[in-house]
Amino acid sequence: MSVFSQWYTVSSRIPQGSILGPILFLIFINDLPEICATEQVTVMYLYADDAKVYSTVSCDSDHLHLQKVIDH
């Protein structure tokens, strides 16, 4: 059985390829390094429209800590 949501009109958006898109993205992720620094993440890289967070996982508590950072 297929179930579909109702259609809704989107009243605001950033068109793909717009001039404001990259600027708004940078504003959106601007505080990401500070948030992850408080969570003691080993390494974080930001480049263009990509963010990479990783650390060495050697036990279950490391795994859970990294997942907590990603969820946060």
PDB file of N, CA and C in Angstrom:
ATOM      1  N   MET A   1       0.842  -1.169   0.000  1.00  0.00           N
ATOM      2  CA  MET A   1       0.000   0.000   0.000  1.00  0.00           C
ATOM      3  C   MET A   1       0.892   1.238   0.000  1.00  0.00           C
ATOM      4  N   SER A   2       0.647   2.144  -0.920  1.00  0.00           N
ATOM      5  CA  SER A   2       1.421   3.383  -1.014  1.00  0.00           C
ATOM      6  C   SER A   2       0.657   4.515  -0.366  1.00  0.00           C
ATOM      7  N   VAL A   3       1.357   5.277   0.443  1.00  0.00           N
ATOM      8  CA  VAL A   3       0.756   6.432   1.106  1.00  0.00           C
ATOM      9  C   VAL A   3       1.608   7.649   0.785  1.00  0.00           C
ATOM     10  N   PHE A   4       0.973   8.710   0.379  1.00  0.00           N
ATOM     11  CA  PHE A   4       1.683   9.925   0.010  1.00  0.00           C
ATOM     12  C   PHE A   4       1.241  11.087   0.887  1.00  0.00           C
ATOM     13  N   SER A   5       2.159  11.993   1.182  1.00  0.00           N
ATOM     14  CA  SER A   5       1.831  13.211   1.919  1.00  0.00           C
ATOM     15  C   SER A   5       1.099  14.181   1.009  1.00  0.00           C
ATOM     16  N   GLN A   6       0.433  15.146   1.628  1.00  0.00           N
ATOM     17  CA  GLN A   6      -0.238  16.186   0.853  1.00  0.00           C
ATOM     18  C   GLN A   6       0.806  17.143   0.293  1.00  0.00           C
ATOM     19  N   TRP A   7       0.478  17.758  -0.847  1.00  0.00           N
ATOM     20  CA  TRP A   7       1.358  18.745  -1.449  1.00  0.00           C
ATOM     21  C   TRP A   7       1.219  20.067  -0.710  1.00  0.00           C
ATOM     22  N   TYR A   8       2.330  20.734  -0.481  1.00  0.00           N
ATOM     23  CA  TYR A   8       2.339  22.051   0.148  1.00  0.00           C
ATOM     24  C   TYR A   8       3.162  23.003  -0.704  1.00  0.00           C
ATOM     25  N   THR A   9       2.744  24.265  -0.730  1.00  0.00           N
ATOM     26  CA  THR A   9       3.477  25.287  -1.448  1.00  0.00           C
ATOM     27  C   THR A   9       4.643  25.765  -0.582  1.00  0.00           C
ATOM     28  N   VAL A  10       5.813  25.806  -1.168  1.00  0.00           N
ATOM     29  CA  VAL A  10       6.990  26.298  -0.466  1.00  0.00           C
ATOM     30  C   VAL A  10       7.084  27.798  -0.731  1.00  0.00           C
ATOM     31  N   SER A  11       6.975  28.574   0.350  1.00  0.00           N
ATOM     32  CA  SER A  11       6.934  30.023   0.178  1.00  0.00           C
ATOM     33  C   SER A  11       8.315  30.668   0.161  1.00  0.00           C
ATOM     34  N   SER A  12       9.326  29.965   0.622  1.00  0.00           N
ATOM     35  CA  SER A  12      10.682  30.523   0.585  1.00  0.00           C
ATOM     36  C   SER A  12      11.670  29.403   0.322  1.00  0.00           C
ATOM     37  N   ARG A  13      12.717  29.726  -0.401  1.00  0.00           N
ATOM     38  CA  ARG A  13      13.741  28.745  -0.716  1.00  0.00           C
ATOM     39  C   ARG A  13      14.937  29.455  -1.307  1.00  0.00           C
ATOM     40  N   ILE A  14      16.035  28.741  -1.412  1.00  0.00           N
ATOM     41  CA  ILE A  14      17.224  29.247  -2.082  1.00  0.00           C
ATOM     42  C   ILE A  14      17.401  28.408  -3.345  1.00  0.00           C
ATOM     43  N   PRO A  15      17.230  29.030  -4.528  1.00  0.00           N
ATOM     44  CA  PRO A  15      17.369  28.267  -5.770  1.00  0.00           C
ATOM     45  C   PRO A  15      18.782  27.726  -5.949  1.00  0.00           C
ATOM     46  N   GLN A  16      18.882  26.548  -6.534  1.00  0.00           N
ATOM     47  CA  GLN A  16      20.177  25.951  -6.828  1.00  0.00           C
ATOM     48  C   GLN A  16      20.938  26.878  -7.766  1.00  0.00           C
ATOM     49  N   GLY A  17      22.195  27.127  -7.463  1.00  0.00           N
ATOM     50  CA  GLY A  17      23.014  27.983  -8.304  1.00  0.00           C
ATOM     51  C   GLY A  17      22.839  29.464  -8.022  1.00  0.00           C
ATOM     52  N   SER A  18      22.147  29.815  -6.948  1.00  0.00           N
ATOM     53  CA  SER A  18      21.937  31.225  -6.640  1.00  0.00           C
ATOM     54  C   SER A  18      23.194  31.841  -6.037  1.00  0.00           C
ATOM     55  N   ILE A  19      23.258  33.144  -6.035  1.00  0.00           N
ATOM     56  CA  ILE A  19      24.385  33.855  -5.440  1.00  0.00           C
ATOM     57  C   ILE A  19      24.319  33.773  -3.918  1.00  0.00           C
ATOM     58  N   LEU A  20      23.116  33.800  -3.357  1.00  0.00           N
ATOM     59  CA  LEU A  20      22.961  33.770  -1.901  1.00  0.00           C
ATOM     60  C   LEU A  20      23.144  32.381  -1.303  1.00  0.00           C
ATOM     61  N   GLY A  21      22.973  31.328  -2.075  1.00  0.00           N
ATOM     62  CA  GLY A  21      23.062  29.963  -1.562  1.00  0.00           C
ATOM     63  C   GLY A  21      24.324  29.676  -0.771  1.00  0.00           C
ATOM     64  N   PRO A  22      25.512  29.903  -1.349  1.00  0.00           N
ATOM     65  CA  PRO A  22      26.744  29.628  -0.608  1.00  0.00           C
ATOM     66  C   PRO A  22      26.909  30.508   0.636  1.00  0.00           C
ATOM     67  N   ILE A  23      26.494  31.752   0.561  1.00  0.00           N
ATOM     68  CA  ILE A  23      26.607  32.652   1.715  1.00  0.00           C
ATOM     69  C   ILE A  23      25.706  32.173   2.842  1.00  0.00           C
ATOM     70  N   LEU A  24      24.475  31.818   2.529  1.00  0.00           N
ATOM     71  CA  LEU A  24      23.560  31.336   3.555  1.00  0.00           C
ATOM     72  C   LEU A  24      24.042  30.015   4.150  1.00  0.00           C
ATOM     73  N   PHE A  25      24.628  29.157   3.323  1.00  0.00           N
ATOM     74  CA  PHE A  25      25.179  27.900   3.834  1.00  0.00           C
ATOM     75  C   PHE A  25      26.304  28.172   4.824  1.00  0.00           C
ATOM     76  N   LEU A  26      27.201  29.097   4.493  1.00  0.00           N
ATOM     77  CA  LEU A  26      28.307  29.432   5.392  1.00  0.00           C
ATOM     78  C   LEU A  26      27.802  30.004   6.710  1.00  0.00           C
ATOM     79  N   ILE A  27      26.761  30.815   6.650  1.00  0.00           N
ATOM     80  CA  ILE A  27      26.175  31.345   7.883  1.00  0.00           C
ATOM     81  C   ILE A  27      25.590  30.207   8.708  1.00  0.00           C
ATOM     82  N   PHE A  28      24.956  29.264   8.034  1.00  0.00           N
ATOM     83  CA  PHE A  28      24.317  28.137   8.709  1.00  0.00           C
ATOM     84  C   PHE A  28      25.326  27.261   9.450  1.00  0.00           C
ATOM     85  N   ILE A  29      26.485  26.993   8.840  1.00  0.00           N
ATOM     86  CA  ILE A  29      27.464  26.103   9.462  1.00  0.00           C
ATOM     87  C   ILE A  29      28.580  26.853  10.186  1.00  0.00           C
ATOM     88  N   ASN A  30      28.471  28.166  10.290  1.00  0.00           N
ATOM     89  CA  ASN A  30      29.540  28.980  10.862  1.00  0.00           C
ATOM     90  C   ASN A  30      29.958  28.534  12.259  1.00  0.00           C
ATOM     91  N   ASP A  31      29.022  28.128  13.101  1.00  0.00           N
ATOM     92  CA  ASP A  31      29.358  27.744  14.474  1.00  0.00           C
ATOM     93  C   ASP A  31      29.631  26.246  14.634  1.00  0.00           C
ATOM     94  N   LEU A  32      29.619  25.497  13.561  1.00  0.00           N
ATOM     95  CA  LEU A  32      29.844  24.053  13.635  1.00  0.00           C
ATOM     96  C   LEU A  32      31.193  23.685  14.273  1.00  0.00           C
ATOM     97  N   PRO A  33      32.302  24.326  13.917  1.00  0.00           N
ATOM     98  CA  PRO A  33      33.570  23.968  14.573  1.00  0.00           C
ATOM     99  C   PRO A  33      33.560  24.220  16.083  1.00  0.00           C
ATOM    100  N   GLU A  34      32.934  25.307  16.525  1.00  0.00           N
ATOM    101  CA  GLU A  34      32.875  25.580  17.959  1.00  0.00           C
ATOM    102  C   GLU A  34      32.038  24.541  18.692  1.00  0.00           C
ATOM    103  N   ILE A  35      30.937  24.130  18.105  1.00  0.00           N
ATOM    104  CA  ILE A  35      30.075  23.111  18.721  1.00  0.00           C
ATOM    105  C   ILE A  35      30.843  21.800  18.863  1.00  0.00           C
ATOM    106  N   CYS A  36      31.532  21.404  17.807  1.00  0.00           N
ATOM    107  CA  CYS A  36      32.272  20.148  17.851  1.00  0.00           C
ATOM    108  C   CYS A  36      33.496  20.246  18.759  1.00  0.00           C
ATOM    109  N   ALA A  37      34.092  21.418  18.894  1.00  0.00           N
ATOM    110  CA  ALA A  37      35.242  21.586  19.788  1.00  0.00           C
ATOM    111  C   ALA A  37      34.832  21.369  21.236  1.00  0.00           C
ATOM    112  N   THR A  38      33.625  21.777  21.595  1.00  0.00           N
ATOM    113  CA  THR A  38      33.168  21.568  22.963  1.00  0.00           C
ATOM    114  C   THR A  38      32.907  20.099  23.235  1.00  0.00           C
ATOM    115  N   GLU A  39      32.679  19.323  22.205  1.00  0.00           N
ATOM    116  CA  GLU A  39      32.433  17.888  22.349  1.00  0.00           C
ATOM    117  C   GLU A  39      33.720  17.079  22.239  1.00  0.00           C
ATOM    118  N   GLN A  40      34.855  17.723  22.121  1.00  0.00           N
ATOM    119  CA  GLN A  40      36.168  17.091  22.069  1.00  0.00           C
ATOM    120  C   GLN A  40      36.313  16.115  20.893  1.00  0.00           C
ATOM    121  N   VAL A  41      35.957  16.591  19.719  1.00  0.00           N
ATOM    122  CA  VAL A  41      36.136  15.802  18.505  1.00  0.00           C
ATOM    123  C   VAL A  41      37.603  15.874  18.103  1.00  0.00           C
ATOM    124  N   THR A  42      38.142  14.764  17.670  1.00  0.00           N
ATOM    125  CA  THR A  42      39.553  14.728  17.309  1.00  0.00           C
ATOM    126  C   THR A  42      39.843  15.597  16.095  1.00  0.00           C
ATOM    127  N   VAL A  43      39.101  15.427  15.004  1.00  0.00           N
ATOM    128  CA  VAL A  43      39.386  16.147  13.768  1.00  0.00           C
ATOM    129  C   VAL A  43      38.086  16.599  13.115  1.00  0.00           C
ATOM    130  N   MET A  44      38.108  17.828  12.588  1.00  0.00           N
ATOM    131  CA  MET A  44      36.975  18.335  11.821  1.00  0.00           C
ATOM    132  C   MET A  44      37.504  19.168  10.659  1.00  0.00           C
ATOM    133  N   TYR A  45      37.008  18.879   9.465  1.00  0.00           N
ATOM    134  CA  TYR A  45      37.390  19.627   8.278  1.00  0.00           C
ATOM    135  C   TYR A  45      36.145  20.225   7.645  1.00  0.00           C
ATOM    136  N   LEU A  46      36.231  21.478   7.246  1.00  0.00           N
ATOM    137  CA  LEU A  46      35.184  22.140   6.478  1.00  0.00           C
ATOM    138  C   LEU A  46      35.785  22.557   5.145  1.00  0.00           C
ATOM    139  N   TYR A  47      35.096  22.217   4.078  1.00  0.00           N
ATOM    140  CA  TYR A  47      35.542  22.639   2.760  1.00  0.00           C
ATOM    141  C   TYR A  47      34.325  22.843   1.876  1.00  0.00           C
ATOM    142  N   ALA A  48      34.171  24.047   1.360  1.00  0.00           N
ATOM    143  CA  ALA A  48      33.060  24.402   0.472  1.00  0.00           C
ATOM    144  C   ALA A  48      31.736  23.990   1.104  1.00  0.00           C
ATOM    145  N   ASP A  49      31.062  23.007   0.542  1.00  0.00           N
ATOM    146  CA  ASP A  49      29.761  22.594   1.076  1.00  0.00           C
ATOM    147  C   ASP A  49      29.837  21.233   1.765  1.00  0.00           C
ATOM    148  N   ASP A  50      30.991  20.921   2.334  1.00  0.00           N
ATOM    149  CA  ASP A  50      31.185  19.614   2.946  1.00  0.00           C
ATOM    150  C   ASP A  50      31.794  19.776   4.332  1.00  0.00           C
ATOM    151  N   ALA A  51      31.401  18.920   5.239  1.00  0.00           N
ATOM    152  CA  ALA A  51      31.977  18.889   6.588  1.00  0.00           C
ATOM    153  C   ALA A  51      32.311  17.447   6.921  1.00  0.00           C
ATOM    154  N   LYS A  52      33.514  17.237   7.459  1.00  0.00           N
ATOM    155  CA  LYS A  52      33.940  15.891   7.835  1.00  0.00           C
ATOM    156  C   LYS A  52      34.363  15.919   9.301  1.00  0.00           C
ATOM    157  N   VAL A  53      33.745  15.058  10.091  1.00  0.00           N
ATOM    158  CA  VAL A  53      34.075  14.920  11.504  1.00  0.00           C
ATOM    159  C   VAL A  53      34.471  13.476  11.726  1.00  0.00           C
ATOM    160  N   TYR A  54      35.653  13.270  12.304  1.00  0.00           N
ATOM    161  CA  TYR A  54      36.033  11.898  12.591  1.00  0.00           C
ATOM    162  C   TYR A  54      37.013  11.839  13.749  1.00  0.00           C
ATOM    163  N   SER A  55      37.099  10.667  14.317  1.00  0.00           N
ATOM    164  CA  SER A  55      38.046  10.401  15.398  1.00  0.00           C
ATOM    165  C   SER A  55      38.352   8.909  15.411  1.00  0.00           C
ATOM    166  N   THR A  56      39.352   8.531  16.145  1.00  0.00           N
ATOM    167  CA  THR A  56      39.717   7.131  16.272  1.00  0.00           C
ATOM    168  C   THR A  56      38.723   6.428  17.187  1.00  0.00           C
ATOM    169  N   VAL A  57      38.201   5.312  16.724  1.00  0.00           N
ATOM    170  CA  VAL A  57      37.246   4.541  17.511  1.00  0.00           C
ATOM    171  C   VAL A  57      37.916   3.223  17.891  1.00  0.00           C
ATOM    172  N   SER A  58      38.200   3.082  19.184  1.00  0.00           N
ATOM    173  CA  SER A  58      38.871   1.862  19.631  1.00  0.00           C
ATOM    174  C   SER A  58      38.026   1.060  20.626  1.00  0.00           C
ATOM    175  N   CYS A  59      36.884   1.625  21.036  1.00  0.00           N
ATOM    176  CA  CYS A  59      35.991   0.900  21.940  1.00  0.00           C
ATOM    177  C   CYS A  59      34.569   1.436  21.769  1.00  0.00           C
ATOM    178  N   ASP A  60      33.621   0.794  22.417  1.00  0.00           N
ATOM    179  CA  ASP A  60      32.221   1.196  22.272  1.00  0.00           C
ATOM    180  C   ASP A  60      31.961   2.614  22.752  1.00  0.00           C
ATOM    181  N   SER A  61      32.642   3.048  23.797  1.00  0.00           N
ATOM    182  CA  SER A  61      32.401   4.405  24.296  1.00  0.00           C
ATOM    183  C   SER A  61      32.863   5.453  23.281  1.00  0.00           C
ATOM    184  N   ASP A  62      33.935   5.169  22.515  1.00  0.00           N
ATOM    185  CA  ASP A  62      34.376   6.080  21.452  1.00  0.00           C
ATOM    186  C   ASP A  62      33.315   6.180  20.365  1.00  0.00           C
ATOM    187  N   HIS A  63      32.768   5.042  20.009  1.00  0.00           N
ATOM    188  CA  HIS A  63      31.706   4.997  19.003  1.00  0.00           C
ATOM    189  C   HIS A  63      30.500   5.815  19.448  1.00  0.00           C
ATOM    190  N   LEU A  64      30.096   5.645  20.693  1.00  0.00           N
ATOM    191  CA  LEU A  64      28.937   6.366  21.215  1.00  0.00           C
ATOM    192  C   LEU A  64      29.211   7.861  21.305  1.00  0.00           C
ATOM    193  N   HIS A  65      30.437   8.241  21.661  1.00  0.00           N
ATOM    194  CA  HIS A  65      30.790   9.657  21.743  1.00  0.00           C
ATOM    195  C   HIS A  65      30.735  10.313  20.368  1.00  0.00           C
ATOM    196  N   LEU A  66      31.284   9.657  19.349  1.00  0.00           N
ATOM    197  CA  LEU A  66      31.240  10.206  17.995  1.00  0.00           C
ATOM    198  C   LEU A  66      29.810  10.321  17.504  1.00  0.00           C
ATOM    199  N   GLN A  67      28.985   9.341  17.776  1.00  0.00           N
ATOM    200  CA  GLN A  67      27.577   9.413  17.368  1.00  0.00           C
ATOM    201  C   GLN A  67      26.866  10.556  18.088  1.00  0.00           C
ATOM    202  N   LYS A  68      27.206  10.798  19.342  1.00  0.00           N
ATOM    203  CA  LYS A  68      26.620  11.908  20.092  1.00  0.00           C
ATOM    204  C   LYS A  68      26.959  13.246  19.442  1.00  0.00           C
ATOM    205  N   VAL A  69      28.207  13.391  19.008  1.00  0.00           N
ATOM    206  CA  VAL A  69      28.636  14.619  18.323  1.00  0.00           C
ATOM    207  C   VAL A  69      27.876  14.801  17.025  1.00  0.00           C
ATOM    208  N   ILE A  70      27.720  13.737  16.255  1.00  0.00           N
ATOM    209  CA  ILE A  70      26.983  13.814  14.990  1.00  0.00           C
ATOM    210  C   ILE A  70      25.524  14.173  15.251  1.00  0.00           C
ATOM    211  N   ASP A  71      24.920  13.564  16.264  1.00  0.00           N
ATOM    212  CA  ASP A  71      23.531  13.876  16.586  1.00  0.00           C
ATOM    213  C   ASP A  71      23.355  15.323  17.041  1.00  0.00           C
ATOM    214  N   HIS A  72      24.362  15.812  17.774  1.00  0.00           N
ATOM    215  CA  HIS A  72      24.290  17.183  18.308  1.00  0.00           C
ATOM    216  C   HIS A  72      24.337  18.184  17.177  1.00  0.00           C
TER     217      HIS A  72
END
